[in-house]
C-alpha atoms as a PDB file:
ATOM      1  CA  MET A   1      42.858 -12.900  34.655  1.00  0.00           C
ATOM      2  CA  LYS A   2      38.793 -14.412  35.651  1.00  0.00           C
ATOM      3  CA  LYS A   3      38.665 -11.432  38.305  1.00  0.00           C
ATOM      4  CA  THR A   4      39.581  -9.099  34.748  1.00  0.00           C
ATOM      5  CA  TYR A   5      37.422 -10.294  33.183  1.00  0.00           C
ATOM      6  CA  LEU A   6      34.582 -10.444  35.697  1.00  0.00           C
ATOM      7  CA  ILE A   7      35.240  -6.102  36.424  1.00  0.00           C
ATOM      8  CA  ILE A   8      35.417  -5.790  32.492  1.00  0.00           C
ATOM      9  CA  PHE A   9      31.865  -8.191  32.070  1.00  0.00           C
ATOM     10  CA  LEU A  10      29.865  -5.681  35.407  1.00  0.00           C
ATOM     11  CA  ILE A  11      31.958  -2.650  33.553  1.00  0.00           C
ATOM     12  CA  ALA A  12      29.794  -3.303  30.707  1.00  0.00           C
ATOM     13  CA  ILE A  13      26.610  -4.494  32.161  1.00  0.00           C
ATOM     14  CA  THR A  14      26.306  -1.005  34.359  1.00  0.00           C
ATOM     15  CA  GLN A  15      27.259   1.066  31.477  1.00  0.00           C
ATOM     16  CA  SER A  16      24.459  -0.468  29.284  1.00  0.00           C
ATOM     17  CA  LEU A  17      21.911  -0.688  32.862  1.00  0.00           C
ATOM     18  CA  LEU A  18      22.688   3.231  32.720  1.00  0.00           C
ATOM     19  CA  PHE A  19      21.868   3.512  29.057  1.00  0.00           C
ATOM     20  CA  ALA A  20      18.511   1.406  29.129  1.00  0.00           C
ATOM     21  CA  GLN A  21      17.851   3.887  31.576  1.00  0.00           C
ATOM     22  CA  ASP A  22      18.327   7.491  30.662  1.00  0.00           C
ATOM     23  CA  TYR A  23      16.684   6.302  26.946  1.00  0.00           C
ATOM     24  CA  SER A  24      14.199   5.474  28.914  1.00  0.00           C
ATOM     25  CA  ALA A  25      13.541   8.465  30.881  1.00  0.00           C
ATOM     26  CA  LYS A  26      14.037  10.262  27.765  1.00  0.00           C
ATOM     27  CA  TYR A  27      11.898   8.989  26.043  1.00  0.00           C
ATOM     28  CA  ASN A  28       8.538   7.802  28.254  1.00  0.00           C
ATOM     29  CA  THR A  29       6.670   5.537  26.373  1.00  0.00           C
ATOM     30  CA  ARG A  30       4.060   2.212  26.206  1.00  0.00           C
ATOM     31  CA  THR A  31       3.029   0.123  24.108  1.00  0.00           C
ATOM     32  CA  ILE A  32      -0.041  -0.294  22.889  1.00  0.00           C
ATOM     33  CA  VAL A  33      -2.090  -3.874  21.160  1.00  0.00           C
ATOM     34  CA  LEU A  34      -5.296  -3.052  19.519  1.00  0.00           C
ATOM     35  CA  ASN A  35      -6.820  -6.035  17.748  1.00  0.00           C
ATOM     36  CA  TYR A  36      -9.348  -6.213  14.468  1.00  0.00           C
ATOM     37  CA  PRO A  37     -11.239  -8.599  12.568  1.00  0.00           C
ATOM     38  CA  ASP A  38      -8.706  -9.044  10.087  1.00  0.00           C
ATOM     39  CA  SER A  39      -5.142  -7.394  11.391  1.00  0.00           C
ATOM     40  CA  VAL A  40      -3.108  -6.931  15.152  1.00  0.00           C
ATOM     41  CA  VAL A  41      -1.746  -3.188  15.651  1.00  0.00           C
ATOM     42  CA  LYS A  42       1.191  -2.899  18.027  1.00  0.00           C
ATOM     43  CA  VAL A  43       2.121   0.624  18.625  1.00  0.00           C
ATOM     44  CA  LYS A  44       4.086   3.033  21.314  1.00  0.00           C
ATOM     45  CA  VAL A  45       2.906   6.108  22.269  1.00  0.00           C
ATOM     46  CA  LEU A  46       3.971   9.068  24.182  1.00  0.00           C
ATOM     47  CA  ASN A  47       3.096   8.589  27.910  1.00  0.00           C
ATOM     48  CA  THR A  48       4.076  11.388  29.298  1.00  0.00           C
ATOM     49  CA  GLU A  49       3.568  15.789  28.304  1.00  0.00           C
ATOM     50  CA  GLU A  50       5.779  16.305  25.841  1.00  0.00           C
ATOM     51  CA  ASP A  51       6.170  19.545  24.531  1.00  0.00           C
ATOM     52  CA  PHE A  52       7.289  19.116  20.969  1.00  0.00           C
ATOM     53  CA  LYS A  53       6.390  22.154  17.938  1.00  0.00           C
ATOM     54  CA  ILE A  54       3.507  21.305  16.237  1.00  0.00           C
ATOM     55  CA  LYS A  55       3.153  22.506  12.679  1.00  0.00           C
ATOM     56  CA  ASP A  56       1.081  23.295  10.565  1.00  0.00           C
ATOM     57  CA  ASP A  57       1.722  21.403   7.123  1.00  0.00           C
ATOM     58  CA  LEU A  58       2.454  17.518   8.727  1.00  0.00           C
ATOM     59  CA  ASN A  59       0.637  14.819   9.473  1.00  0.00           C
ATOM     60  CA  TYR A  60       0.256  13.633  13.088  1.00  0.00           C
ATOM     61  CA  TYR A  61      -0.420  10.541  14.507  1.00  0.00           C
ATOM     62  CA  TRP A  62      -1.672  10.486  17.483  1.00  0.00           C
ATOM     63  CA  TYR A  63      -4.119   7.397  19.974  1.00  0.00           C
ATOM     64  CA  ASN A  64      -7.245   8.084  22.197  1.00  0.00           C
ATOM     65  CA  ASN A  65      -9.762   6.002  23.369  1.00  0.00           C
ATOM     66  CA  ASN A  66      -8.776   3.243  21.903  1.00  0.00           C
ATOM     67  CA  MET A  67      -8.199   3.991  18.312  1.00  0.00           C
ATOM     68  CA  ILE A  68      -5.757   5.271  16.261  1.00  0.00           C
ATOM     69  CA  GLY A  69      -6.193   8.526  14.658  1.00  0.00           C
ATOM     70  CA  TYR A  70      -4.121  11.291  12.409  1.00  0.00           C
ATOM     71  CA  ASN A  71      -5.552  15.087  12.344  1.00  0.00           C
ATOM     72  CA  LYS A  72      -2.152  17.711   9.905  1.00  0.00           C
ATOM     73  CA  GLY A  73      -1.401  20.219  12.166  1.00  0.00           C
ATOM     74  CA  GLY A  74      -2.257  18.691  15.606  1.00  0.00           C
ATOM     75  CA  VAL A  75      -2.558  15.899  17.350  1.00  0.00           C
ATOM     76  CA  ASN A  76      -5.904  14.778  19.876  1.00  0.00           C
ATOM     77  CA  GLY A  77      -5.006  12.598  22.177  1.00  0.00           C
ATOM     78  CA  LYS A  78      -0.880  10.666  22.729  1.00  0.00           C
ATOM     79  CA  PRO A  79       1.077  10.896  19.834  1.00  0.00           C
ATOM     80  CA  LEU A  80       2.913   8.163  18.618  1.00  0.00           C
ATOM     81  CA  HIS A  81       6.314   7.290  19.178  1.00  0.00           C
ATOM     82  CA  GLY A  82       8.953   4.355  18.400  1.00  0.00           C
ATOM     83  CA  THR A  83       7.669   1.583  16.841  1.00  0.00           C
ATOM     84  CA  TYR A  84       4.470   0.756  14.828  1.00  0.00           C
ATOM     85  CA  THR A  85       3.399  -3.238  13.665  1.00  0.00           C
ATOM     86  CA  VAL A  86       0.599  -4.174  11.611  1.00  0.00           C
ATOM     87  CA  CYS A  87       0.545  -8.219  11.306  1.00  0.00           C
ATOM     88  CA  ASN A  88      -3.159 -10.249   9.925  1.00  0.00           C
ATOM     89  CA  ILE A  89      -4.277 -12.437  12.244  1.00  0.00           C
ATOM     90  CA  GLU A  90      -2.118 -15.291  11.039  1.00  0.00           C
ATOM     91  CA  GLY A  91       0.584 -12.959  11.919  1.00  0.00           C
ATOM     92  CA  ALA A  92       2.391 -12.291   8.364  1.00  0.00           C
ATOM     93  CA  LEU A  93       2.878  -7.877   8.269  1.00  0.00           C
ATOM     94  CA  ILE A  94       1.065  -5.715   6.321  1.00  0.00           C
ATOM     95  CA  THR A  95       3.640  -3.002   8.091  1.00  0.00           C
ATOM     96  CA  GLN A  96       6.432  -1.382   9.740  1.00  0.00           C
ATOM     97  CA  GLY A  97       7.803   1.774  10.679  1.00  0.00           C
ATOM     98  CA  GLU A  98       8.879   3.785  13.243  1.00  0.00           C
ATOM     99  CA  PHE A  99       7.543   6.946  14.546  1.00  0.00           C
ATOM    100  CA  LEU A 100       8.632  10.203  16.605  1.00  0.00           C
ATOM    101  CA  HIS A 101       6.234  12.935  18.057  1.00  0.00           C
ATOM    102  CA  GLY A 102       4.029  11.061  15.959  1.00  0.00           C
ATOM    103  CA  LEU A 103       5.254  11.799  12.690  1.00  0.00           C
ATOM    104  CA  LYS A 104       6.116   9.361  10.621  1.00  0.00           C
ATOM    105  CA  GLU A 105      10.226   8.356  11.015  1.00  0.00           C
ATOM    106  CA  GLY A 106      12.427   6.471   8.976  1.00  0.00           C
ATOM    107  CA  LYS A 107      12.626   3.129   7.015  1.00  0.00           C
ATOM    108  CA  TRP A 108       8.558   2.184   6.359  1.00  0.00           C
ATOM    109  CA  LYS A 109       7.779  -1.187   3.751  1.00  0.00           C
ATOM    110  CA  SER A 110       4.334  -2.903   3.685  1.00  0.00           C
ATOM    111  CA  TRP A 111       3.642  -6.512   2.070  1.00  0.00           C
ATOM    112  CA  TYR A 112       1.079  -8.501   0.301  1.00  0.00           C
ATOM    113  CA  ILE A 113      -0.640 -10.964   1.885  1.00  0.00           C
ATOM    114  CA  SER A 114       1.904 -13.613  -0.057  1.00  0.00           C
ATOM    115  CA  GLY A 115       4.213 -12.059   2.258  1.00  0.00           C
ATOM    116  CA  GLU A 116       6.135 -10.116  -0.759  1.00  0.00           C
ATOM    117  CA  LEU A 117       7.669  -6.319  -0.227  1.00  0.00           C
ATOM    118  CA  LYS A 118       4.469  -4.254  -1.738  1.00  0.00           C
ATOM    119  CA  THR A 119       7.398  -0.920  -1.137  1.00  0.00           C
ATOM    120  CA  ILE A 120       9.408   0.564   0.947  1.00  0.00           C
ATOM    121  CA  GLU A 121       8.963   4.737   1.923  1.00  0.00           C
ATOM    122  CA  ASN A 122      11.644   7.315   3.948  1.00  0.00           C
ATOM    123  CA  TYR A 123      10.916   9.706   5.706  1.00  0.00           C
ATOM    124  CA  LYS A 124      12.087  12.319   7.169  1.00  0.00           C
ATOM    125  CA  ASN A 125      10.470  14.732  10.345  1.00  0.00           C
ATOM    126  CA  GLY A 126       7.204  13.523   8.876  1.00  0.00           C
ATOM    127  CA  LEU A 127       8.037  14.427   4.721  1.00  0.00           C
ATOM    128  CA  LYS A 128       8.867  11.255   2.548  1.00  0.00           C
ATOM    129  CA  ASP A 129      12.926  12.090   1.635  1.00  0.00           C
ATOM    130  CA  ASP A 130      14.506   9.936  -0.581  1.00  0.00           C
ATOM    131  CA  ILE A 131      14.279   6.907  -3.072  1.00  0.00           C
ATOM    132  CA  GLN A 132      10.292   5.177  -2.526  1.00  0.00           C
ATOM    133  CA  CYS A 133      10.544   2.059  -4.234  1.00  0.00           C
ATOM    134  CA  TYR A 134       7.148   0.139  -5.104  1.00  0.00           C
ATOM    135  CA  TYR A 135       6.834  -3.788  -5.911  1.00  0.00           C
ATOM    136  CA  SER A 136       4.963  -6.163  -7.369  1.00  0.00           C
ATOM    137  CA  GLU A 137       3.851  -8.970  -6.251  1.00  0.00           C
ATOM    138  CA  SER A 138       6.645 -10.956  -7.959  1.00  0.00           C
ATOM    139  CA  GLY A 139       9.537  -8.929  -6.166  1.00  0.00           C
ATOM    140  CA  GLU A 140       9.712  -6.555  -9.350  1.00  0.00           C
ATOM    141  CA  ILE A 141      10.224  -2.905  -8.897  1.00  0.00           C
ATOM    142  CA  VAL A 142       7.294  -1.366 -10.476  1.00  0.00           C
ATOM    143  CA  LYS A 143       8.159   2.444  -9.129  1.00  0.00           C
ATOM    144  CA  GLU A 144      11.001   3.935  -7.757  1.00  0.00           C
ATOM    145  CA  THR A 145      10.436   8.074  -6.971  1.00  0.00           C
ATOM    146  CA  LYS A 146      13.145   9.698  -5.375  1.00  0.00           C
ATOM    147  CA  TYR A 147      11.840  12.932  -2.851  1.00  0.00           C
ATOM    148  CA  LYS A 148      13.152  15.434  -0.734  1.00  0.00           C
ATOM    149  CA  ASN A 149      12.014  16.639   2.050  1.00  0.00           C
ATOM    150  CA  GLY A 150       8.945  16.057   0.892  1.00  0.00           C
ATOM    151  CA  VAL A 151       8.996  17.274  -2.398  1.00  0.00           C
ATOM    152  CA  LYS A 152       9.089  14.326  -5.522  1.00  0.00           C
ATOM    153  CA  LEU A 153      12.475  15.240  -7.617  1.00  0.00           C
ATOM    154  CA  GLU A 154      12.817  14.359 -11.129  1.00  0.00           C
ATOM    155  CA  ASN A 155      14.979  11.976 -12.257  1.00  0.00           C
ATOM    156  CA  LYS A 156      17.649  14.121 -13.889  1.00  0.00           C
ATOM    157  CA  GLU A 157      19.458  11.714 -15.776  1.00  0.00           C
ATOM    158  CA  GLY A 158      16.636   9.259 -16.865  1.00  0.00           C
ATOM    159  CA  SER A 159      15.868  13.496 -18.451  1.00  0.00           C
ATOM    160  CA  PHE A 160      18.998  13.642 -19.944  1.00  0.00           C
ATOM    161  CA  LEU A 161      18.084  10.692 -22.031  1.00  0.00           C
ATOM    162  CA  LYS A 162      14.549  11.250 -22.853  1.00  0.00           C
ATOM    163  CA  SER A 163      16.301  14.417 -24.192  1.00  0.00           C
ATOM    164  CA  ILE A 164      19.021  13.137 -26.032  1.00  0.00           C
ATOM    165  CA  PHE A 165      16.409  10.523 -27.163  1.00  0.00           C
ATOM    166  CA  ASN A 166      13.747  13.387 -28.139  1.00  0.00           C
ATOM    167  CA  LYS A 167      16.450  14.713 -30.395  1.00  0.00           C
ATOM    168  CA  LYS A 168      17.507  11.830 -32.243  1.00  0.00           C
ATOM    169  CA  ASP A 169      14.018  11.264 -32.230  1.00  0.00           C
ATOM    170  CA  LYS A 170      13.146  14.976 -33.692  1.00  0.00           C
ATOM    171  CA  GLU A 171      16.400  14.753 -35.901  1.00  0.00           C
ATOM    172  CA  GLU A 172      15.396  11.396 -37.244  1.00  0.00           C
ATOM    173  CA  LYS A 173      11.909  12.517 -38.296  1.00  0.00           C
ATOM    174  CA  VAL A 174      12.840  15.760 -39.792  1.00  0.00           C
ATOM    175  CA  LYS A 175      15.161  13.304 -42.198  1.00  0.00           C
ATOM    176  CA  ASN A 176      12.392  10.685 -43.313  1.00  0.00           C
ATOM    177  CA  ASP A 177      10.740  14.413 -44.102  1.00  0.00           C
ATOM    178  CA  SER A 178      13.125  16.366 -45.710  1.00  0.00           C
ATOM    179  CA  THR A 179      13.445  12.662 -47.604  1.00  0.00           C
ATOM    180  CA  GLU A 180       9.391  12.326 -48.730  1.00  0.00           C
ATOM    181  CA  ILE A 181      10.100  15.708 -49.925  1.00  0.00           C
ATOM    182  CA  ASN A 182      12.481  14.806 -51.863  1.00  0.00           C
ATOM    183  CA  ASN A 183      11.016  11.373 -53.637  1.00  0.00           C
ATOM    184  CA  GLU A 184       7.569  13.475 -54.192  1.00  0.00           C
ATOM    185  CA  ILE A 185       9.588  16.647 -55.727  1.00  0.00           C
ATOM    186  CA  GLU A 186      11.317  13.743 -57.572  1.00  0.00           C
ATOM    187  CA  LYS A 187       8.268  11.995 -59.081  1.00  0.00           C
END
């Protein structure tokens, strides 16, 4: 019985090592740490010259000469690729997210100095996508906006409810105006 568990364990370890090697070969990255007077940035960059299509209308983030920069429609260094973390000098999180070939991807979070969540933004292929949440320092949602491929969508439910209330308000106003007119006529 112990031999069976040992064999299963060895197979699992071998498979995980093979997967890890495949991932690192596919995405050859290195971690860069930049120290600033008020913060520390830890980011992964592509270590190899990898071909990928650059779109003119997207912001690409890159690393070159010990700095992080961005350009619309181009890169001037190694594209950011992987985790991106900014902490203040005490070690508290300020910003955290992921890059894929220089584009923001997935969930991005930022925090107030107090440690309270400030924003949750979602990206797909470098564009805002899905629900974006913005919080007050007390932790309450201040604003929620939905995007699809970088385009802000109107909250249809809110618009529908607004239209109902606006219609009722207009009907109420017309009713009040007609009552006032009838009252004037009777005097």
